[in-house]
Amino acid sequence: LVERRLYIVGVDPYVGLQSDDAAGQLISQIGSVRDA
């Protein structure tokens, strides 16, 4: 379907991944409980 140019917007996974910082741990917990 692409004649000339393709643009992709995405986000790196953050659910269920270990993080060394408090912000990352909270974001992972939010994503995990949402998905559960």
ModelCIF file with pLDDT and N, C-alpha, C, O atoms, coordinates in Angstrom:
data_MODEL
#
_entry.id   MODEL 
#
_entity.id                         1 
_entity.type                       polymer 
_entity.pdbx_number_of_molecules   1 
#
_entity_poly.entity_id                      1 
_entity_poly.type                           'polypeptide(L)' 
_entity_poly.nstd_linkage                   no 
_entity_poly.nstd_monomer                   no 
_entity_poly.pdbx_seq_one_letter_code       LVERRLYIVGVDPYVGLQSDDAAGQLISQIGSVRDA 
_entity_poly.pdbx_seq_one_letter_code_can   LVERRLYIVGVDPYVGLQSDDAAGQLISQIGSVRDA 
_entity_poly.pdbx_strand_id                 A 
#
loop_
_entity_poly_seq.entity_id 
_entity_poly_seq.num 
_entity_poly_seq.mon_id 
_entity_poly_seq.hetero 
1 1  LEU n 
1 2  VAL n 
1 3  GLU n 
1 4  ARG n 
1 5  ARG n 
1 6  LEU n 
1 7  TYR n 
1 8  ILE n 
1 9  VAL n 
1 10 GLY n 
1 11 VAL n 
1 12 ASP n 
1 13 PRO n 
1 14 TYR n 
1 15 VAL n 
1 16 GLY n 
1 17 LEU n 
1 18 GLN n 
1 19 SER n 
1 20 ASP n 
1 21 ASP n 
1 22 ALA n 
1 23 ALA n 
1 24 GLY n 
1 25 GLN n 
1 26 LEU n 
1 27 ILE n 
1 28 SER n 
1 29 GLN n 
1 30 ILE n 
1 31 GLY n 
1 32 SER n 
1 33 VAL n 
1 34 ARG n 
1 35 ASP n 
1 36 ALA n 
#
_struct_asym.id          A 
_struct_asym.entity_id   1 
#
loop_
_ma_qa_metric.id 
_ma_qa_metric.mode 
_ma_qa_metric.name 
_ma_qa_metric.software_group_id 
_ma_qa_metric.type 
1 global pLDDT . pLDDT 
2 local  pLDDT . pLDDT 
#
_ma_qa_metric_global.metric_id      1 
_ma_qa_metric_global.metric_value   92.08 
_ma_qa_metric_global.model_id       1 
_ma_qa_metric_global.ordinal_id     1 
#
loop_
_ma_qa_metric_local.label_asym_id 
_ma_qa_metric_local.label_comp_id 
_ma_qa_metric_local.label_seq_id 
_ma_qa_metric_local.metric_id 
_ma_qa_metric_local.metric_value 
_ma_qa_metric_local.model_id 
_ma_qa_metric_local.ordinal_id 
A LEU 1  2 97.00 1 1  
A VAL 2  2 97.00 1 2  
A GLU 3  2 96.00 1 3  
A ARG 4  2 96.00 1 4  
A ARG 5  2 97.00 1 5  
A LEU 6  2 98.00 1 6  
A TYR 7  2 98.00 1 7  
A ILE 8  2 97.00 1 8  
A VAL 9  2 96.00 1 9  
A GLY 10 2 95.00 1 10 
A VAL 11 2 95.00 1 11 
A ASP 12 2 95.00 1 12 
A PRO 13 2 93.00 1 13 
A TYR 14 2 89.00 1 14 
A VAL 15 2 84.00 1 15 
A GLY 16 2 73.00 1 16 
A LEU 17 2 73.00 1 17 
A GLN 18 2 76.00 1 18 
A SER 19 2 81.00 1 19 
A ASP 20 2 83.00 1 20 
A ASP 21 2 91.00 1 21 
A ALA 22 2 94.00 1 22 
A ALA 23 2 95.00 1 23 
A GLY 24 2 94.00 1 24 
A GLN 25 2 95.00 1 25 
A LEU 26 2 96.00 1 26 
A ILE 27 2 95.00 1 27 
A SER 28 2 94.00 1 28 
A GLN 29 2 95.00 1 29 
A ILE 30 2 96.00 1 30 
A GLY 31 2 94.00 1 31 
A SER 32 2 94.00 1 32 
A VAL 33 2 94.00 1 33 
A ARG 34 2 94.00 1 34 
A ASP 35 2 93.00 1 35 
A ALA 36 2 92.00 1 36 
#
loop_
_atom_site.group_PDB 
_atom_site.id 
_atom_site.type_symbol 
_atom_site.label_atom_id 
_atom_site.label_alt_id 
_atom_site.label_comp_id 
_atom_site.label_asym_id 
_atom_site.label_entity_id 
_atom_site.label_seq_id 
_atom_site.pdbx_PDB_ins_code 
_atom_site.Cartn_x 
_atom_site.Cartn_y 
_atom_site.Cartn_z 
_atom_site.occupancy 
_atom_site.B_iso_or_equiv 
_atom_site.pdbx_formal_charge 
_atom_site.auth_seq_id 
_atom_site.auth_comp_id 
_atom_site.auth_asym_id 
_atom_site.auth_atom_id 
_atom_site.pdbx_PDB_model_num 
ATOM 1   N N  . LEU A 1 1  ? 0.810  -1.215 0.000  1.00 97.00 ? 1  LEU A N  1 
ATOM 2   C CA . LEU A 1 1  ? 0.000  0.000  0.000  1.00 97.00 ? 1  LEU A CA 1 
ATOM 3   C C  . LEU A 1 1  ? 0.843  1.266  0.000  1.00 97.00 ? 1  LEU A C  1 
ATOM 4   O O  . LEU A 1 1  ? 0.331  2.354  -0.259 1.00 97.00 ? 1  LEU A O  1 
ATOM 5   N N  . VAL A 1 2  ? 2.163  1.127  0.296  1.00 97.00 ? 2  VAL A N  1 
ATOM 6   C CA . VAL A 1 2  ? 3.033  2.289  0.472  1.00 97.00 ? 2  VAL A CA 1 
ATOM 7   C C  . VAL A 1 2  ? 3.693  2.649  -0.846 1.00 97.00 ? 2  VAL A C  1 
ATOM 8   O O  . VAL A 1 2  ? 4.510  1.890  -1.369 1.00 97.00 ? 2  VAL A O  1 
ATOM 9   N N  . GLU A 1 3  ? 3.342  3.799  -1.377 1.00 96.00 ? 3  GLU A N  1 
ATOM 10  C CA . GLU A 1 3  ? 3.936  4.281  -2.621 1.00 96.00 ? 3  GLU A CA 1 
ATOM 11  C C  . GLU A 1 3  ? 5.266  4.979  -2.378 1.00 96.00 ? 3  GLU A C  1 
ATOM 12  O O  . GLU A 1 3  ? 6.233  4.751  -3.105 1.00 96.00 ? 3  GLU A O  1 
ATOM 13  N N  . ARG A 1 4  ? 5.318  5.836  -1.347 1.00 96.00 ? 4  ARG A N  1 
ATOM 14  C CA . ARG A 1 4  ? 6.527  6.640  -1.144 1.00 96.00 ? 4  ARG A CA 1 
ATOM 15  C C  . ARG A 1 4  ? 7.116  6.496  0.251  1.00 96.00 ? 4  ARG A C  1 
ATOM 16  O O  . ARG A 1 4  ? 8.251  6.042  0.396  1.00 96.00 ? 4  ARG A O  1 
ATOM 17  N N  . ARG A 1 5  ? 6.361  6.876  1.283  1.00 97.00 ? 5  ARG A N  1 
ATOM 18  C CA . ARG A 1 5  ? 6.957  6.980  2.610  1.00 97.00 ? 5  ARG A CA 1 
ATOM 19  C C  . ARG A 1 5  ? 6.052  6.371  3.679  1.00 97.00 ? 5  ARG A C  1 
ATOM 20  O O  . ARG A 1 5  ? 4.832  6.530  3.650  1.00 97.00 ? 5  ARG A O  1 
ATOM 21  N N  . LEU A 1 6  ? 6.688  5.664  4.628  1.00 98.00 ? 6  LEU A N  1 
ATOM 22  C CA . LEU A 1 6  ? 5.990  5.089  5.771  1.00 98.00 ? 6  LEU A CA 1 
ATOM 23  C C  . LEU A 1 6  ? 6.560  5.694  7.044  1.00 98.00 ? 6  LEU A C  1 
ATOM 24  O O  . LEU A 1 6  ? 7.775  5.798  7.210  1.00 98.00 ? 6  LEU A O  1 
ATOM 25  N N  . TYR A 1 7  ? 5.661  6.093  7.942  1.00 98.00 ? 7  TYR A N  1 
ATOM 26  C CA . TYR A 1 7  ? 6.063  6.578  9.259  1.00 98.00 ? 7  TYR A CA 1 
ATOM 27  C C  . TYR A 1 7  ? 5.426  5.691  10.325 1.00 98.00 ? 7  TYR A C  1 
ATOM 28  O O  . TYR A 1 7  ? 4.231  5.403  10.273 1.00 98.00 ? 7  TYR A O  1 
ATOM 29  N N  . ILE A 1 8  ? 6.237  5.264  11.292 1.00 97.00 ? 8  ILE A N  1 
ATOM 30  C CA . ILE A 1 8  ? 5.738  4.455  12.399 1.00 97.00 ? 8  ILE A CA 1 
ATOM 31  C C  . ILE A 1 8  ? 5.990  5.190  13.710 1.00 97.00 ? 8  ILE A C  1 
ATOM 32  O O  . ILE A 1 8  ? 7.101  5.652  13.974 1.00 97.00 ? 8  ILE A O  1 
ATOM 33  N N  . VAL A 1 9  ? 4.951  5.293  14.523 1.00 96.00 ? 9  VAL A N  1 
ATOM 34  C CA . VAL A 1 9  ? 5.072  5.810  15.881 1.00 96.00 ? 9  VAL A CA 1 
ATOM 35  C C  . VAL A 1 9  ? 4.790  4.656  16.833 1.00 96.00 ? 9  VAL A C  1 
ATOM 36  O O  . VAL A 1 9  ? 3.782  3.964  16.693 1.00 96.00 ? 9  VAL A O  1 
ATOM 37  N N  . GLY A 1 10 ? 5.670  4.448  17.790 1.00 95.00 ? 10 GLY A N  1 
ATOM 38  C CA . GLY A 1 10 ? 5.485  3.371  18.752 1.00 95.00 ? 10 GLY A CA 1 
ATOM 39  C C  . GLY A 1 10 ? 6.029  3.761  20.111 1.00 95.00 ? 10 GLY A C  1 
ATOM 40  O O  . GLY A 1 10 ? 6.549  4.862  20.291 1.00 95.00 ? 10 GLY A O  1 
ATOM 41  N N  . VAL A 1 11 ? 5.907  2.862  21.058 1.00 95.00 ? 11 VAL A N  1 
ATOM 42  C CA . VAL A 1 11 ? 6.439  3.077  22.406 1.00 95.00 ? 11 VAL A CA 1 
ATOM 43  C C  . VAL A 1 11 ? 7.177  1.817  22.833 1.00 95.00 ? 11 VAL A C  1 
ATOM 44  O O  . VAL A 1 11 ? 6.688  0.704  22.634 1.00 95.00 ? 11 VAL A O  1 
ATOM 45  N N  . ASP A 1 12 ? 8.347  1.995  23.415 1.00 95.00 ? 12 ASP A N  1 
ATOM 46  C CA . ASP A 1 12 ? 9.091  0.850  23.919 1.00 95.00 ? 12 ASP A CA 1 
ATOM 47  C C  . ASP A 1 12 ? 8.303  0.162  25.037 1.00 95.00 ? 12 ASP A C  1 
ATOM 48  O O  . ASP A 1 12 ? 7.683  0.845  25.852 1.00 95.00 ? 12 ASP A O  1 
ATOM 49  N N  . PRO A 1 13 ? 8.312  -1.161 25.095 1.00 93.00 ? 13 PRO A N  1 
ATOM 50  C CA . PRO A 1 13 ? 7.552  -1.874 26.134 1.00 93.00 ? 13 PRO A CA 1 
ATOM 51  C C  . PRO A 1 13 ? 7.989  -1.455 27.540 1.00 93.00 ? 13 PRO A C  1 
ATOM 52  O O  . PRO A 1 13 ? 9.163  -1.184 27.791 1.00 93.00 ? 13 PRO A O  1 
ATOM 53  N N  . TYR A 1 14 ? 7.015  -1.412 28.441 1.00 89.00 ? 14 TYR A N  1 
ATOM 54  C CA . TYR A 1 14 ? 7.337  -1.087 29.833 1.00 89.00 ? 14 TYR A CA 1 
ATOM 55  C C  . TYR A 1 14 ? 6.617  -1.995 30.824 1.00 89.00 ? 14 TYR A C  1 
ATOM 56  O O  . TYR A 1 14 ? 6.811  -1.858 32.032 1.00 89.00 ? 14 TYR A O  1 
ATOM 57  N N  . VAL A 1 15 ? 5.798  -2.909 30.342 1.00 84.00 ? 15 VAL A N  1 
ATOM 58  C CA . VAL A 1 15 ? 5.041  -3.805 31.222 1.00 84.00 ? 15 VAL A CA 1 
ATOM 59  C C  . VAL A 1 15 ? 5.859  -5.052 31.526 1.00 84.00 ? 15 VAL A C  1 
ATOM 60  O O  . VAL A 1 15 ? 6.386  -5.691 30.615 1.00 84.00 ? 15 VAL A O  1 
ATOM 61  N N  . GLY A 1 16 ? 5.965  -5.399 32.803 1.00 73.00 ? 16 GLY A N  1 
ATOM 62  C CA . GLY A 1 16 ? 6.630  -6.631 33.202 1.00 73.00 ? 16 GLY A CA 1 
ATOM 63  C C  . GLY A 1 16 ? 8.141  -6.596 33.093 1.00 73.00 ? 16 GLY A C  1 
ATOM 64  O O  . GLY A 1 16 ? 8.790  -7.639 33.174 1.00 73.00 ? 16 GLY A O  1 
ATOM 65  N N  . LEU A 1 17 ? 8.717  -5.404 32.908 1.00 73.00 ? 17 LEU A N  1 
ATOM 66  C CA . LEU A 1 17 ? 10.166 -5.286 32.788 1.00 73.00 ? 17 LEU A CA 1 
ATOM 67  C C  . LEU A 1 17 ? 10.744 -4.733 34.091 1.00 73.00 ? 17 LEU A C  1 
ATOM 68  O O  . LEU A 1 17 ? 10.141 -3.869 34.728 1.00 73.00 ? 17 LEU A O  1 
ATOM 69  N N  . GLN A 1 18 ? 11.907 -5.234 34.479 1.00 76.00 ? 18 GLN A N  1 
ATOM 70  C CA . GLN A 1 18 ? 12.566 -4.764 35.681 1.00 76.00 ? 18 GLN A CA 1 
ATOM 71  C C  . GLN A 1 18 ? 13.144 -3.369 35.448 1.00 76.00 ? 18 GLN A C  1 
ATOM 72  O O  . GLN A 1 18 ? 13.642 -3.062 34.365 1.00 76.00 ? 18 GLN A O  1 
ATOM 73  N N  . SER A 1 19 ? 13.069 -2.538 36.476 1.00 81.00 ? 19 SER A N  1 
ATOM 74  C CA . SER A 1 19 ? 13.611 -1.190 36.380 1.00 81.00 ? 19 SER A CA 1 
ATOM 75  C C  . SER A 1 19 ? 14.355 -0.869 37.669 1.00 81.00 ? 19 SER A C  1 
ATOM 76  O O  . SER A 1 19 ? 13.938 -1.263 38.758 1.00 81.00 ? 19 SER A O  1 
ATOM 77  N N  . ASP A 1 20 ? 15.463 -0.147 37.528 1.00 83.00 ? 20 ASP A N  1 
ATOM 78  C CA . ASP A 1 20 ? 16.270 0.214  38.694 1.00 83.00 ? 20 ASP A CA 1 
ATOM 79  C C  . ASP A 1 20 ? 15.782 1.492  39.364 1.00 83.00 ? 20 ASP A C  1 
ATOM 80  O O  . ASP A 1 20 ? 16.191 1.792  40.486 1.00 83.00 ? 20 ASP A O  1 
ATOM 81  N N  . ASP A 1 21 ? 14.918 2.247  38.698 1.00 91.00 ? 21 ASP A N  1 
ATOM 82  C CA . ASP A 1 21 ? 14.478 3.522  39.263 1.00 91.00 ? 21 ASP A CA 1 
ATOM 83  C C  . ASP A 1 21 ? 13.012 3.449  39.671 1.00 91.00 ? 21 ASP A C  1 
ATOM 84  O O  . ASP A 1 21 ? 12.246 2.647  39.137 1.00 91.00 ? 21 ASP A O  1 
ATOM 85  N N  . ALA A 1 22 ? 12.634 4.291  40.616 1.00 94.00 ? 22 ALA A N  1 
ATOM 86  C CA . ALA A 1 22 ? 11.287 4.268  41.188 1.00 94.00 ? 22 ALA A CA 1 
ATOM 87  C C  . ALA A 1 22 ? 10.228 4.603  40.153 1.00 94.00 ? 22 ALA A C  1 
ATOM 88  O O  . ALA A 1 22 ? 9.153  4.004  40.151 1.00 94.00 ? 22 ALA A O  1 
ATOM 89  N N  . ALA A 1 23 ? 10.519 5.554  39.273 1.00 95.00 ? 23 ALA A N  1 
ATOM 90  C CA . ALA A 1 23 ? 9.538  5.925  38.250 1.00 95.00 ? 23 ALA A CA 1 
ATOM 91  C C  . ALA A 1 23 ? 9.250  4.746  37.336 1.00 95.00 ? 23 ALA A C  1 
ATOM 92  O O  . ALA A 1 23 ? 8.093  4.472  37.020 1.00 95.00 ? 23 ALA A O  1 
ATOM 93  N N  . GLY A 1 24 ? 10.288 4.052  36.912 1.00 94.00 ? 24 GLY A N  1 
ATOM 94  C CA . GLY A 1 24 ? 10.106 2.897  36.041 1.00 94.00 ? 24 GLY A CA 1 
ATOM 95  C C  . GLY A 1 24 ? 9.327  1.792  36.714 1.00 94.00 ? 24 GLY A C  1 
ATOM 96  O O  . GLY A 1 24 ? 8.499  1.142  36.078 1.00 94.00 ? 24 GLY A O  1 
ATOM 97  N N  . GLN A 1 25 ? 9.580  1.568  37.997 1.00 95.00 ? 25 GLN A N  1 
ATOM 98  C CA . GLN A 1 25 ? 8.848  0.540  38.732 1.00 95.00 ? 25 GLN A CA 1 
ATOM 99  C C  . GLN A 1 25 ? 7.368  0.874  38.813 1.00 95.00 ? 25 GLN A C  1 
ATOM 100 O O  . GLN A 1 25 ? 6.525  -0.011 38.667 1.00 95.00 ? 25 GLN A O  1 
ATOM 101 N N  . LEU A 1 26 ? 7.038  2.151  39.046 1.00 96.00 ? 26 LEU A N  1 
ATOM 102 C CA . LEU A 1 26 ? 5.637  2.559  39.126 1.00 96.00 ? 26 LEU A CA 1 
ATOM 103 C C  . LEU A 1 26 ? 4.943  2.424  37.779 1.00 96.00 ? 26 LEU A C  1 
ATOM 104 O O  . LEU A 1 26 ? 3.808  1.952  37.710 1.00 96.00 ? 26 LEU A O  1 
ATOM 105 N N  . ILE A 1 27 ? 5.615  2.835  36.707 1.00 95.00 ? 27 ILE A N  1 
ATOM 106 C CA . ILE A 1 27 ? 5.023  2.728  35.375 1.00 95.00 ? 27 ILE A CA 1 
ATOM 107 C C  . ILE A 1 27 ? 4.789  1.269  35.010 1.00 95.00 ? 27 ILE A C  1 
ATOM 108 O O  . ILE A 1 27 ? 3.752  0.928  34.440 1.00 95.00 ? 27 ILE A O  1 
ATOM 109 N N  . SER A 1 28 ? 5.744  0.408  35.336 1.00 94.00 ? 28 SER A N  1 
ATOM 110 C CA . SER A 1 28 ? 5.578  -1.017 35.049 1.00 94.00 ? 28 SER A CA 1 
ATOM 111 C C  . SER A 1 28 ? 4.418  -1.606 35.854 1.00 94.00 ? 28 SER A C  1 
ATOM 112 O O  . SER A 1 28 ? 3.660  -2.428 35.340 1.00 94.00 ? 28 SER A O  1 
ATOM 113 N N  . GLN A 1 29 ? 4.282  -1.189 37.105 1.00 95.00 ? 29 GLN A N  1 
ATOM 114 C CA . GLN A 1 29 ? 3.179  -1.679 37.931 1.00 95.00 ? 29 GLN A CA 1 
ATOM 115 C C  . GLN A 1 29 ? 1.827  -1.213 37.389 1.00 95.00 ? 29 GLN A C  1 
ATOM 116 O O  . GLN A 1 29 ? 0.860  -1.974 37.381 1.00 95.00 ? 29 GLN A O  1 
ATOM 117 N N  . ILE A 1 30 ? 1.765  0.027  36.942 1.00 96.00 ? 30 ILE A N  1 
ATOM 118 C CA . ILE A 1 30 ? 0.517  0.544  36.365 1.00 96.00 ? 30 ILE A CA 1 
ATOM 119 C C  . ILE A 1 30 ? 0.143  -0.261 35.124 1.00 96.00 ? 30 ILE A C  1 
ATOM 120 O O  . ILE A 1 30 ? -1.005 -0.679 34.968 1.00 96.00 ? 30 ILE A O  1 
ATOM 121 N N  . GLY A 1 31 ? 1.119  -0.475 34.245 1.00 94.00 ? 31 GLY A N  1 
ATOM 122 C CA . GLY A 1 31 ? 0.848  -1.240 33.029 1.00 94.00 ? 31 GLY A CA 1 
ATOM 123 C C  . GLY A 1 31 ? 0.464  -2.684 33.331 1.00 94.00 ? 31 GLY A C  1 
ATOM 124 O O  . GLY A 1 31 ? -0.403 -3.255 32.669 1.00 94.00 ? 31 GLY A O  1 
ATOM 125 N N  . SER A 1 32 ? 1.110  -3.270 34.331 1.00 94.00 ? 32 SER A N  1 
ATOM 126 C CA . SER A 1 32 ? 0.831  -4.671 34.660 1.00 94.00 ? 32 SER A CA 1 
ATOM 127 C C  . SER A 1 32 ? -0.565 -4.849 35.221 1.00 94.00 ? 32 SER A C  1 
ATOM 128 O O  . SER A 1 32 ? -1.271 -5.778 34.827 1.00 94.00 ? 32 SER A O  1 
ATOM 129 N N  . VAL A 1 33 ? -0.984 -3.973 36.139 1.00 94.00 ? 33 VAL A N  1 
ATOM 130 C CA . VAL A 1 33 ? -2.318 -4.120 36.713 1.00 94.00 ? 33 VAL A CA 1 
ATOM 131 C C  . VAL A 1 33 ? -3.385 -3.785 35.676 1.00 94.00 ? 33 VAL A C  1 
ATOM 132 O O  . VAL A 1 33 ? -4.455 -4.395 35.665 1.00 94.00 ? 33 VAL A O  1 
ATOM 133 N N  . ARG A 1 34 ? -3.100 -2.825 34.811 1.00 94.00 ? 34 ARG A N  1 
ATOM 134 C CA . ARG A 1 34 ? -4.040 -2.527 33.706 1.00 94.00 ? 34 ARG A CA 1 
ATOM 135 C C  . ARG A 1 34 ? -4.258 -3.754 32.839 1.00 94.00 ? 34 ARG A C  1 
ATOM 136 O O  . ARG A 1 34 ? -5.397 -4.126 32.554 1.00 94.00 ? 34 ARG A O  1 
ATOM 137 N N  . ASP A 1 35 ? -3.162 -4.387 32.417 1.00 93.00 ? 35 ASP A N  1 
ATOM 138 C CA . ASP A 1 35 ? -3.285 -5.548 31.536 1.00 93.00 ? 35 ASP A CA 1 
ATOM 139 C C  . ASP A 1 35 ? -3.941 -6.726 32.249 1.00 93.00 ? 35 ASP A C  1 
ATOM 140 O O  . ASP A 1 35 ? -4.704 -7.471 31.633 1.00 93.00 ? 35 ASP A O  1 
ATOM 141 N N  . ALA A 1 36 ? -3.653 -6.904 33.546 1.00 92.00 ? 36 ALA A N  1 
ATOM 142 C CA . ALA A 1 36 ? -4.273 -7.985 34.305 1.00 92.00 ? 36 ALA A CA 1 
ATOM 143 C C  . ALA A 1 36 ? -5.783 -7.796 34.376 1.00 92.00 ? 36 ALA A C  1 
ATOM 144 O O  . ALA A 1 36 ? -6.480 -8.613 34.978 1.00 92.00 ? 36 ALA A O  1 
#
